[in-house]
């Protein structure tokens, strides 16, 4: 009788332990984002302080991009809808322009409206120098952003970044093709 009770306790304990493990983010990192002060699409100032206490997903795009940015933005629109369907609260989306001299707040607003983006929890950011965004991406996200001397295309990565309530990057995901939507939703839940 005691042995059977002990086996039941062990089985229940292991089930509880494995359920707890599901709340963790696999291969998580802990990269703090330095404070920033920029301008969002509605011409209002915006900074890291506006995201405190919220889980957020960020990416790097620009409005005259001819290849990866349109699908990346469409994928984030899909993720934004999935977040709403899952009933997740305090989730924000942040898109940093990598071409800030072209991407004024008005240009970013027009770009976002093409995708019928819900601005309630998605901000498009600009209002900084090219040098700022190149250094900011490299130092905080370990991501390359570079605007060549010639042409109007900017070199940048296609990752989506999950950031916790304290402003620490926890994980990056492919944002262009084969986006792991279920994994991102799982990881968002793990942070909440």
N, C-alpha and C. Protein backbone atom coordinates (compact mmCIF):
# COMPACT_ATOMS: atom_id res chain seq x y z
N UNK A 1 0.82 -1.19 0.00
CA UNK A 1 0.00 0.00 0.00
C UNK A 1 0.86 1.25 0.00
N UNK A 2 1.87 1.29 0.89
CA UNK A 2 2.77 2.44 0.94
C UNK A 2 3.52 2.60 -0.37
N UNK A 3 3.96 1.47 -0.94
CA UNK A 3 4.71 1.51 -2.20
C UNK A 3 3.86 2.07 -3.32
N UNK A 4 2.58 1.65 -3.38
CA UNK A 4 1.67 2.14 -4.43
C UNK A 4 1.45 3.65 -4.25
N UNK A 5 1.26 4.11 -3.03
CA UNK A 5 1.09 5.53 -2.74
C UNK A 5 2.32 6.32 -3.15
N UNK A 6 3.50 5.78 -2.86
CA UNK A 6 4.75 6.43 -3.22
C UNK A 6 4.90 6.54 -4.74
N UNK A 7 4.52 5.49 -5.45
CA UNK A 7 4.58 5.50 -6.93
C UNK A 7 3.64 6.57 -7.48
N UNK A 8 2.45 6.65 -6.92
CA UNK A 8 1.47 7.67 -7.37
C UNK A 8 2.03 9.07 -7.14
N UNK A 9 2.61 9.29 -5.97
CA UNK A 9 3.20 10.60 -5.66
C UNK A 9 4.33 10.92 -6.64
N UNK A 10 5.19 9.95 -6.92
CA UNK A 10 6.29 10.17 -7.87
C UNK A 10 5.78 10.49 -9.27
N UNK A 11 4.76 9.76 -9.71
CA UNK A 11 4.18 10.01 -11.05
C UNK A 11 3.58 11.41 -11.11
N UNK A 12 2.81 11.76 -10.09
CA UNK A 12 2.21 13.11 -10.07
C UNK A 12 3.27 14.19 -10.02
N UNK A 13 4.32 13.98 -9.24
CA UNK A 13 5.41 14.95 -9.14
C UNK A 13 6.09 15.15 -10.48
N UNK A 14 6.35 14.04 -11.17
CA UNK A 14 7.03 14.17 -12.45
C UNK A 14 6.14 14.85 -13.48
N UNK A 15 4.82 14.59 -13.43
CA UNK A 15 3.91 15.29 -14.34
C UNK A 15 3.89 16.78 -14.07
N UNK A 16 3.85 17.14 -12.79
CA UNK A 16 3.87 18.56 -12.43
C UNK A 16 5.18 19.22 -12.86
N UNK A 17 6.28 18.53 -12.67
CA UNK A 17 7.59 19.08 -13.05
C UNK A 17 7.67 19.28 -14.55
N UNK A 18 7.14 18.32 -15.33
CA UNK A 18 7.21 18.46 -16.78
C UNK A 18 6.29 19.57 -17.26
N UNK A 19 5.16 19.76 -16.58
CA UNK A 19 4.26 20.86 -16.95
C UNK A 19 4.92 22.20 -16.69
N UNK A 20 5.69 22.30 -15.61
CA UNK A 20 6.41 23.54 -15.31
C UNK A 20 7.44 23.83 -16.39
N UNK A 21 8.07 22.81 -16.90
CA UNK A 21 9.09 22.98 -17.93
C UNK A 21 8.54 23.56 -19.21
N UNK A 22 7.25 23.37 -19.45
CA UNK A 22 6.65 23.88 -20.67
C UNK A 22 6.55 25.40 -20.66
N UNK A 23 6.67 26.00 -19.50
CA UNK A 23 6.57 27.45 -19.39
C UNK A 23 7.91 28.15 -19.64
N UNK A 24 8.93 27.38 -19.93
CA UNK A 24 10.24 27.97 -20.17
C UNK A 24 10.46 28.21 -21.66
N UNK A 25 11.29 29.18 -21.95
CA UNK A 25 11.66 29.48 -23.33
C UNK A 25 12.92 28.70 -23.65
N UNK A 26 12.82 27.86 -24.65
CA UNK A 26 13.97 27.06 -25.04
C UNK A 26 15.03 27.93 -25.71
N UNK A 27 16.27 27.75 -25.35
CA UNK A 27 17.41 28.50 -25.92
C UNK A 27 17.28 30.01 -25.72
N UNK A 28 16.78 30.40 -24.56
CA UNK A 28 16.60 31.83 -24.27
C UNK A 28 17.94 32.53 -24.11
N UNK A 29 17.93 33.82 -24.44
CA UNK A 29 19.08 34.69 -24.21
C UNK A 29 18.65 35.76 -23.21
N UNK A 30 19.53 36.63 -22.83
CA UNK A 30 19.19 37.72 -21.90
C UNK A 30 20.00 38.95 -22.29
N UNK A 31 19.55 39.63 -23.35
CA UNK A 31 20.26 40.79 -23.86
C UNK A 31 19.46 42.05 -23.51
N UNK A 32 19.93 42.85 -22.56
CA UNK A 32 19.20 44.07 -22.21
C UNK A 32 19.27 45.12 -23.32
N UNK A 33 18.15 45.79 -23.51
CA UNK A 33 18.08 46.87 -24.49
C UNK A 33 18.30 48.18 -23.76
N UNK A 34 19.21 48.99 -24.28
CA UNK A 34 19.50 50.29 -23.68
C UNK A 34 18.33 51.24 -23.97
N UNK A 35 18.15 52.17 -23.08
CA UNK A 35 17.07 53.14 -23.22
C UNK A 35 17.20 53.89 -24.54
N UNK A 36 16.06 54.24 -25.11
CA UNK A 36 16.04 55.01 -26.35
C UNK A 36 14.87 55.97 -26.32
N UNK A 37 14.99 57.04 -27.08
CA UNK A 37 13.92 58.01 -27.21
C UNK A 37 13.81 58.36 -28.69
N UNK A 38 12.67 58.02 -29.28
CA UNK A 38 12.47 58.16 -30.72
C UNK A 38 11.09 58.75 -30.98
N UNK A 39 10.68 58.72 -32.24
CA UNK A 39 9.37 59.23 -32.64
C UNK A 39 8.59 58.09 -33.29
N UNK A 40 7.30 57.99 -32.95
CA UNK A 40 6.49 56.94 -33.57
C UNK A 40 5.62 57.52 -34.68
N UNK A 41 4.88 56.65 -35.33
CA UNK A 41 4.15 57.02 -36.55
C UNK A 41 3.16 58.17 -36.36
N UNK A 42 2.70 58.40 -35.16
CA UNK A 42 1.76 59.50 -34.93
C UNK A 42 2.47 60.77 -34.47
N UNK A 43 3.79 60.80 -34.66
CA UNK A 43 4.62 61.96 -34.33
C UNK A 43 4.80 62.18 -32.83
N UNK A 44 4.43 61.20 -32.01
CA UNK A 44 4.61 61.29 -30.56
C UNK A 44 5.95 60.67 -30.19
N UNK A 45 6.52 61.15 -29.09
CA UNK A 45 7.77 60.56 -28.64
C UNK A 45 7.49 59.18 -28.04
N UNK A 46 8.50 58.32 -28.09
CA UNK A 46 8.35 56.94 -27.66
C UNK A 46 9.69 56.43 -27.19
N UNK A 47 9.69 55.64 -26.12
CA UNK A 47 10.95 55.11 -25.61
C UNK A 47 10.75 53.80 -24.89
N UNK A 48 11.83 53.29 -24.38
CA UNK A 48 11.81 52.01 -23.67
C UNK A 48 10.83 52.05 -22.51
N UNK A 49 10.72 53.21 -21.87
CA UNK A 49 9.82 53.36 -20.72
C UNK A 49 8.37 53.04 -21.10
N UNK A 50 7.99 53.32 -22.36
CA UNK A 50 6.62 53.06 -22.81
C UNK A 50 6.33 51.56 -22.94
N UNK A 51 7.37 50.74 -22.89
CA UNK A 51 7.21 49.29 -23.05
C UNK A 51 7.41 48.53 -21.75
N UNK A 52 7.79 49.23 -20.69
CA UNK A 52 8.02 48.56 -19.40
C UNK A 52 6.74 47.85 -18.94
N UNK A 53 6.92 46.64 -18.47
CA UNK A 53 5.79 45.86 -17.99
C UNK A 53 5.04 45.12 -19.09
N UNK A 54 5.51 45.24 -20.32
CA UNK A 54 4.86 44.58 -21.45
C UNK A 54 5.84 43.64 -22.14
N UNK A 55 5.30 42.57 -22.69
CA UNK A 55 6.07 41.68 -23.56
C UNK A 55 5.94 42.27 -24.95
N UNK A 56 7.03 42.30 -25.70
CA UNK A 56 6.94 42.88 -27.05
C UNK A 56 7.79 42.13 -28.06
N UNK A 57 7.38 42.30 -29.31
CA UNK A 57 8.09 41.72 -30.45
C UNK A 57 8.56 42.88 -31.30
N UNK A 58 9.83 42.86 -31.68
CA UNK A 58 10.35 43.94 -32.52
C UNK A 58 11.03 43.39 -33.76
N UNK A 59 11.11 44.26 -34.75
CA UNK A 59 11.81 43.92 -35.99
C UNK A 59 12.39 45.19 -36.59
N UNK A 60 13.15 45.01 -37.67
CA UNK A 60 13.76 46.12 -38.40
C UNK A 60 13.26 46.06 -39.83
N UNK A 61 12.65 47.17 -40.28
CA UNK A 61 12.09 47.22 -41.64
C UNK A 61 12.32 48.61 -42.22
N UNK A 62 11.98 48.80 -43.49
CA UNK A 62 11.90 50.14 -44.07
C UNK A 62 10.88 50.11 -45.19
N UNK A 63 10.26 51.25 -45.44
CA UNK A 63 9.07 51.29 -46.30
C UNK A 63 9.37 51.14 -47.78
N UNK A 64 10.59 51.46 -48.23
CA UNK A 64 10.90 51.31 -49.67
C UNK A 64 11.62 50.00 -49.96
N UNK A 65 11.59 49.09 -49.01
CA UNK A 65 12.20 47.76 -49.15
C UNK A 65 11.46 47.00 -50.27
N UNK A 66 12.23 46.38 -51.14
CA UNK A 66 11.63 45.69 -52.29
C UNK A 66 11.58 44.17 -52.13
N UNK A 67 12.13 43.64 -51.03
CA UNK A 67 12.13 42.18 -50.93
C UNK A 67 11.60 41.64 -49.60
N UNK A 68 12.33 41.74 -48.51
CA UNK A 68 11.97 41.03 -47.28
C UNK A 68 10.97 41.76 -46.37
N UNK A 69 10.92 43.07 -46.41
CA UNK A 69 10.09 43.82 -45.45
C UNK A 69 8.58 43.60 -45.64
N UNK A 70 8.06 43.61 -46.87
CA UNK A 70 6.62 43.35 -47.00
C UNK A 70 6.19 41.99 -46.41
N UNK A 71 6.90 40.88 -46.72
CA UNK A 71 6.48 39.62 -46.07
C UNK A 71 6.68 39.63 -44.55
N UNK A 72 7.75 40.28 -44.08
CA UNK A 72 7.96 40.36 -42.63
C UNK A 72 6.80 41.10 -41.96
N UNK A 73 6.39 42.20 -42.55
CA UNK A 73 5.28 42.97 -41.97
C UNK A 73 3.99 42.16 -42.02
N UNK A 74 3.75 41.47 -43.13
CA UNK A 74 2.55 40.62 -43.24
C UNK A 74 2.59 39.51 -42.19
N UNK A 75 3.76 38.96 -41.93
CA UNK A 75 3.88 37.91 -40.90
C UNK A 75 3.61 38.47 -39.51
N UNK A 76 4.05 39.69 -39.25
CA UNK A 76 3.76 40.29 -37.94
C UNK A 76 2.27 40.63 -37.81
N UNK A 77 1.62 40.98 -38.93
CA UNK A 77 0.17 41.21 -38.90
C UNK A 77 -0.52 39.91 -38.49
N UNK A 78 -0.08 38.80 -39.07
CA UNK A 78 -0.65 37.49 -38.71
C UNK A 78 -0.41 37.20 -37.23
N UNK A 79 0.80 37.49 -36.75
CA UNK A 79 1.10 37.26 -35.33
C UNK A 79 0.24 38.16 -34.45
N UNK A 80 0.05 39.40 -34.85
CA UNK A 80 -0.79 40.32 -34.08
C UNK A 80 -2.21 39.75 -33.96
N UNK A 81 -2.73 39.19 -35.04
CA UNK A 81 -4.08 38.59 -35.01
C UNK A 81 -4.11 37.35 -34.12
N UNK A 82 -3.06 36.53 -34.18
CA UNK A 82 -2.99 35.34 -33.33
C UNK A 82 -2.96 35.72 -31.85
N UNK A 83 -2.21 36.77 -31.52
CA UNK A 83 -2.14 37.26 -30.14
C UNK A 83 -3.53 37.65 -29.66
N UNK A 84 -4.27 38.34 -30.52
CA UNK A 84 -5.63 38.76 -30.17
C UNK A 84 -6.54 37.54 -29.98
N UNK A 85 -6.44 36.56 -30.91
CA UNK A 85 -7.25 35.35 -30.82
C UNK A 85 -6.95 34.56 -29.56
N UNK A 86 -5.69 34.54 -29.14
CA UNK A 86 -5.28 33.83 -27.93
C UNK A 86 -5.68 34.57 -26.65
N UNK A 87 -6.12 35.81 -26.81
CA UNK A 87 -6.51 36.61 -25.65
C UNK A 87 -5.35 37.08 -24.81
N UNK A 88 -4.16 37.16 -25.42
CA UNK A 88 -2.97 37.62 -24.68
C UNK A 88 -3.04 39.13 -24.50
N UNK A 89 -2.73 39.57 -23.30
CA UNK A 89 -2.77 41.01 -22.96
C UNK A 89 -1.36 41.54 -22.79
N UNK A 90 -1.23 42.86 -22.90
CA UNK A 90 0.06 43.55 -22.72
C UNK A 90 1.15 43.05 -23.65
N UNK A 91 0.77 42.77 -24.89
CA UNK A 91 1.73 42.40 -25.93
C UNK A 91 1.81 43.58 -26.90
N UNK A 92 3.02 44.03 -27.17
CA UNK A 92 3.23 45.15 -28.09
C UNK A 92 4.07 44.68 -29.28
N UNK A 93 3.95 45.40 -30.37
CA UNK A 93 4.76 45.19 -31.57
C UNK A 93 5.48 46.49 -31.88
N UNK A 94 6.76 46.38 -32.19
CA UNK A 94 7.59 47.56 -32.43
C UNK A 94 8.43 47.32 -33.69
N UNK A 95 8.25 48.19 -34.67
CA UNK A 95 9.04 48.11 -35.91
C UNK A 95 9.94 49.33 -35.99
N UNK A 96 11.26 49.08 -35.95
CA UNK A 96 12.24 50.15 -36.10
C UNK A 96 12.54 50.34 -37.58
N UNK A 97 12.43 51.57 -38.06
CA UNK A 97 12.84 51.85 -39.44
C UNK A 97 14.36 51.86 -39.53
N UNK A 98 14.90 51.20 -40.55
CA UNK A 98 16.34 51.22 -40.78
C UNK A 98 16.70 52.26 -41.85
N UNK A 99 15.71 53.06 -42.25
CA UNK A 99 15.92 54.13 -43.23
C UNK A 99 15.20 55.38 -42.73
N UNK A 100 15.62 55.93 -41.59
CA UNK A 100 14.86 56.98 -40.92
C UNK A 100 14.74 58.29 -41.67
N UNK A 101 15.66 58.60 -42.57
CA UNK A 101 15.53 59.87 -43.31
C UNK A 101 14.39 59.80 -44.32
N UNK A 102 14.11 58.62 -44.85
CA UNK A 102 13.00 58.43 -45.78
C UNK A 102 11.71 58.16 -45.02
N UNK A 103 11.81 57.34 -43.98
CA UNK A 103 10.62 56.90 -43.24
C UNK A 103 10.22 57.90 -42.16
N UNK A 104 9.57 58.95 -42.60
CA UNK A 104 9.01 59.93 -41.66
C UNK A 104 7.79 59.29 -40.98
N UNK A 105 7.28 59.91 -39.93
CA UNK A 105 6.06 59.37 -39.31
C UNK A 105 4.91 59.22 -40.32
N UNK A 106 4.77 60.17 -41.22
CA UNK A 106 3.68 60.12 -42.21
C UNK A 106 3.88 58.94 -43.17
N UNK A 107 5.11 58.74 -43.62
CA UNK A 107 5.41 57.62 -44.53
C UNK A 107 5.17 56.29 -43.82
N UNK A 108 5.59 56.18 -42.57
CA UNK A 108 5.36 54.96 -41.81
C UNK A 108 3.87 54.69 -41.60
N UNK A 109 3.11 55.72 -41.36
CA UNK A 109 1.66 55.56 -41.18
C UNK A 109 1.03 55.02 -42.46
N UNK A 110 1.38 55.61 -43.61
CA UNK A 110 0.84 55.14 -44.89
C UNK A 110 1.22 53.68 -45.14
N UNK A 111 2.47 53.34 -44.84
CA UNK A 111 2.95 51.97 -45.02
C UNK A 111 2.12 51.01 -44.15
N UNK A 112 1.95 51.33 -42.89
CA UNK A 112 1.22 50.47 -41.96
C UNK A 112 -0.25 50.33 -42.37
N UNK A 113 -0.84 51.41 -42.85
CA UNK A 113 -2.25 51.37 -43.25
C UNK A 113 -2.48 50.41 -44.41
N UNK A 114 -1.47 50.21 -45.26
CA UNK A 114 -1.59 49.24 -46.36
C UNK A 114 -1.83 47.83 -45.84
N UNK A 115 -1.34 47.56 -44.64
CA UNK A 115 -1.45 46.24 -44.04
C UNK A 115 -2.60 46.15 -43.03
N UNK A 116 -3.39 47.22 -42.92
CA UNK A 116 -4.51 47.29 -41.98
C UNK A 116 -4.06 46.94 -40.55
N UNK A 117 -2.97 47.54 -40.17
CA UNK A 117 -2.37 47.28 -38.86
C UNK A 117 -3.19 47.95 -37.76
N UNK A 118 -3.32 47.24 -36.65
CA UNK A 118 -3.98 47.78 -35.47
C UNK A 118 -2.92 48.55 -34.67
N UNK A 119 -3.04 49.88 -34.68
CA UNK A 119 -2.05 50.72 -33.99
C UNK A 119 -2.21 50.70 -32.47
N UNK A 120 -3.23 50.03 -31.94
CA UNK A 120 -3.42 49.98 -30.49
C UNK A 120 -2.24 49.33 -29.78
N UNK A 121 -1.55 48.40 -30.47
CA UNK A 121 -0.40 47.76 -29.82
C UNK A 121 0.76 47.55 -30.79
N UNK A 122 0.85 48.43 -31.80
CA UNK A 122 1.96 48.34 -32.76
C UNK A 122 2.46 49.75 -33.06
N UNK A 123 3.74 49.97 -32.85
CA UNK A 123 4.36 51.27 -33.10
C UNK A 123 5.48 51.13 -34.12
N UNK A 124 5.48 52.05 -35.08
CA UNK A 124 6.54 52.15 -36.09
C UNK A 124 7.41 53.33 -35.70
N UNK A 125 8.74 53.07 -35.59
CA UNK A 125 9.62 54.06 -34.99
C UNK A 125 10.61 54.66 -35.99
N UNK A 126 10.87 55.96 -35.79
CA UNK A 126 11.80 56.72 -36.60
C UNK A 126 12.27 57.91 -35.75
N UNK A 127 12.78 58.95 -36.42
CA UNK A 127 13.17 60.15 -35.67
C UNK A 127 14.57 60.07 -35.09
N UNK A 128 15.45 59.33 -35.72
CA UNK A 128 16.83 59.18 -35.29
C UNK A 128 17.71 59.16 -36.53
N UNK A 129 19.01 59.20 -36.32
CA UNK A 129 19.95 59.21 -37.45
C UNK A 129 20.22 57.78 -37.94
N UNK A 130 20.77 57.69 -39.14
CA UNK A 130 21.18 56.40 -39.68
C UNK A 130 22.24 55.77 -38.77
N UNK A 131 23.15 56.61 -38.30
CA UNK A 131 24.20 56.12 -37.41
C UNK A 131 23.61 55.53 -36.13
N UNK A 132 22.58 56.20 -35.59
CA UNK A 132 21.94 55.70 -34.37
C UNK A 132 21.39 54.30 -34.58
N UNK A 133 20.59 54.09 -35.64
CA UNK A 133 19.92 52.79 -35.81
C UNK A 133 20.94 51.69 -36.10
N UNK A 134 22.01 52.02 -36.82
CA UNK A 134 23.04 51.02 -37.10
C UNK A 134 23.74 50.59 -35.81
N UNK A 135 24.08 51.55 -34.95
CA UNK A 135 24.72 51.23 -33.67
C UNK A 135 23.75 50.56 -32.69
N UNK A 136 22.53 51.06 -32.65
CA UNK A 136 21.50 50.52 -31.75
C UNK A 136 21.23 49.05 -32.07
N UNK A 137 21.07 48.73 -33.34
CA UNK A 137 20.80 47.35 -33.76
C UNK A 137 21.97 46.44 -33.40
N UNK A 138 23.17 46.90 -33.65
CA UNK A 138 24.35 46.08 -33.40
C UNK A 138 24.57 45.85 -31.90
N UNK A 139 24.50 46.93 -31.12
CA UNK A 139 24.81 46.83 -29.69
C UNK A 139 23.72 46.11 -28.89
N UNK A 140 22.47 46.33 -29.24
CA UNK A 140 21.37 45.76 -28.46
C UNK A 140 20.87 44.43 -29.01
N UNK A 141 20.74 44.35 -30.32
CA UNK A 141 20.15 43.17 -30.95
C UNK A 141 21.19 42.24 -31.57
N UNK A 142 22.45 42.69 -31.59
CA UNK A 142 23.52 41.94 -32.26
C UNK A 142 23.15 41.68 -33.71
N UNK A 143 22.55 42.71 -34.33
CA UNK A 143 22.05 42.62 -35.69
C UNK A 143 22.71 43.69 -36.57
N UNK A 144 23.00 43.31 -37.78
CA UNK A 144 23.61 44.23 -38.74
C UNK A 144 22.54 45.08 -39.42
N UNK A 145 22.76 46.38 -39.44
CA UNK A 145 21.98 47.32 -40.25
C UNK A 145 23.01 48.21 -40.93
N UNK A 146 22.92 48.32 -42.25
CA UNK A 146 23.89 49.14 -42.98
C UNK A 146 23.24 49.70 -44.24
N UNK A 147 23.31 51.02 -44.38
CA UNK A 147 22.80 51.66 -45.58
C UNK A 147 24.00 51.96 -46.49
N UNK A 148 24.08 51.28 -47.64
CA UNK A 148 25.20 51.53 -48.56
C UNK A 148 25.18 52.97 -49.09
N UNK A 149 26.33 53.42 -49.57
CA UNK A 149 26.44 54.77 -50.12
C UNK A 149 25.56 54.96 -51.35
N UNK A 150 25.42 53.90 -52.14
CA UNK A 150 24.63 53.99 -53.38
C UNK A 150 23.37 53.16 -53.26
N UNK A 151 22.33 53.60 -53.97
CA UNK A 151 21.07 52.87 -53.97
C UNK A 151 20.20 53.26 -52.79
N UNK A 152 18.97 52.71 -52.79
CA UNK A 152 18.01 53.08 -51.73
C UNK A 152 17.63 51.89 -50.85
N UNK A 153 18.34 50.77 -50.99
CA UNK A 153 18.04 49.60 -50.17
C UNK A 153 19.00 49.53 -48.98
N UNK A 154 18.48 49.10 -47.84
CA UNK A 154 19.26 49.02 -46.61
C UNK A 154 19.46 47.55 -46.26
N UNK A 155 20.67 47.21 -45.90
CA UNK A 155 20.98 45.83 -45.49
C UNK A 155 20.55 45.67 -44.03
N UNK A 156 19.77 44.63 -43.78
CA UNK A 156 19.33 44.34 -42.41
C UNK A 156 18.86 42.90 -42.32
N UNK A 157 18.77 42.39 -41.11
CA UNK A 157 18.32 41.02 -40.89
C UNK A 157 16.82 40.88 -40.95
N UNK A 158 16.36 39.64 -40.91
CA UNK A 158 14.93 39.35 -41.02
C UNK A 158 14.37 38.73 -39.75
N UNK A 159 15.03 38.91 -38.64
CA UNK A 159 14.58 38.29 -37.39
C UNK A 159 13.48 39.09 -36.71
N UNK A 160 12.68 38.36 -35.95
CA UNK A 160 11.74 38.94 -35.00
C UNK A 160 12.33 38.68 -33.62
N UNK A 161 12.21 39.64 -32.73
CA UNK A 161 12.82 39.54 -31.41
C UNK A 161 11.74 39.62 -30.33
N UNK A 162 11.76 38.65 -29.43
CA UNK A 162 10.84 38.66 -28.30
C UNK A 162 11.54 39.31 -27.11
N UNK A 163 10.89 40.31 -26.53
CA UNK A 163 11.48 41.10 -25.44
C UNK A 163 10.57 41.00 -24.22
N UNK A 164 11.17 40.83 -23.05
CA UNK A 164 10.37 40.68 -21.83
C UNK A 164 9.98 42.03 -21.23
N UNK A 165 9.27 41.97 -20.11
CA UNK A 165 8.72 43.17 -19.46
C UNK A 165 9.79 44.11 -18.93
N UNK A 166 11.01 43.63 -18.76
CA UNK A 166 12.11 44.48 -18.27
C UNK A 166 12.96 45.03 -19.42
N UNK A 167 12.58 44.74 -20.66
CA UNK A 167 13.34 45.24 -21.80
C UNK A 167 14.55 44.40 -22.13
N UNK A 168 14.47 43.09 -21.88
CA UNK A 168 15.56 42.17 -22.22
C UNK A 168 15.11 41.26 -23.36
N UNK A 169 15.91 41.21 -24.41
CA UNK A 169 15.62 40.28 -25.51
C UNK A 169 15.78 38.87 -24.97
N UNK A 170 14.77 38.04 -25.21
CA UNK A 170 14.78 36.67 -24.73
C UNK A 170 15.04 35.66 -25.85
N UNK A 171 14.62 36.01 -27.08
CA UNK A 171 14.79 35.05 -28.17
C UNK A 171 14.56 35.76 -29.51
N UNK A 172 15.17 35.21 -30.56
CA UNK A 172 14.91 35.70 -31.91
C UNK A 172 14.37 34.56 -32.75
N UNK A 173 13.60 34.91 -33.77
CA UNK A 173 12.94 33.95 -34.65
C UNK A 173 13.05 34.42 -36.09
N UNK A 174 12.93 33.52 -37.01
CA UNK A 174 12.88 33.88 -38.42
C UNK A 174 11.58 34.66 -38.66
N UNK A 175 11.69 35.82 -39.30
CA UNK A 175 10.52 36.64 -39.53
C UNK A 175 10.10 36.76 -40.97
N UNK A 176 10.88 36.15 -41.87
CA UNK A 176 10.64 36.30 -43.31
C UNK A 176 9.91 35.08 -43.88
N UNK A 177 10.48 33.90 -43.70
CA UNK A 177 9.88 32.66 -44.19
C UNK A 177 9.83 31.67 -43.04
N UNK A 178 8.87 30.77 -43.09
CA UNK A 178 8.75 29.72 -42.08
C UNK A 178 8.76 30.27 -40.65
N UNK A 179 7.96 31.29 -40.43
CA UNK A 179 7.88 31.91 -39.11
C UNK A 179 7.25 30.92 -38.13
N UNK A 180 7.89 30.66 -36.99
CA UNK A 180 7.36 29.69 -36.01
C UNK A 180 6.29 30.33 -35.10
N UNK A 181 5.12 30.60 -35.67
CA UNK A 181 4.08 31.32 -34.93
C UNK A 181 3.72 30.64 -33.61
N UNK A 182 3.54 29.32 -33.63
CA UNK A 182 3.15 28.61 -32.40
C UNK A 182 4.22 28.74 -31.32
N UNK A 183 5.48 28.65 -31.73
CA UNK A 183 6.58 28.78 -30.77
C UNK A 183 6.61 30.18 -30.16
N UNK A 184 6.39 31.20 -31.00
CA UNK A 184 6.39 32.57 -30.49
C UNK A 184 5.27 32.77 -29.48
N UNK A 185 4.06 32.28 -29.82
CA UNK A 185 2.91 32.39 -28.89
C UNK A 185 3.23 31.66 -27.59
N UNK A 186 3.79 30.46 -27.70
CA UNK A 186 4.18 29.69 -26.49
C UNK A 186 5.14 30.50 -25.63
N UNK A 187 6.15 31.10 -26.28
CA UNK A 187 7.17 31.85 -25.54
C UNK A 187 6.59 33.12 -24.93
N UNK A 188 5.64 33.76 -25.62
CA UNK A 188 4.97 34.91 -25.04
C UNK A 188 4.23 34.51 -23.76
N UNK A 189 3.53 33.39 -23.83
CA UNK A 189 2.80 32.90 -22.65
C UNK A 189 3.76 32.58 -21.52
N UNK A 190 4.92 32.05 -21.84
CA UNK A 190 5.92 31.72 -20.82
C UNK A 190 6.39 32.96 -20.08
N UNK A 191 6.39 34.11 -20.76
CA UNK A 191 6.84 35.35 -20.14
C UNK A 191 5.75 36.02 -19.30
N UNK A 192 4.49 35.63 -19.53
CA UNK A 192 3.41 36.31 -18.82
C UNK A 192 3.10 35.68 -17.48
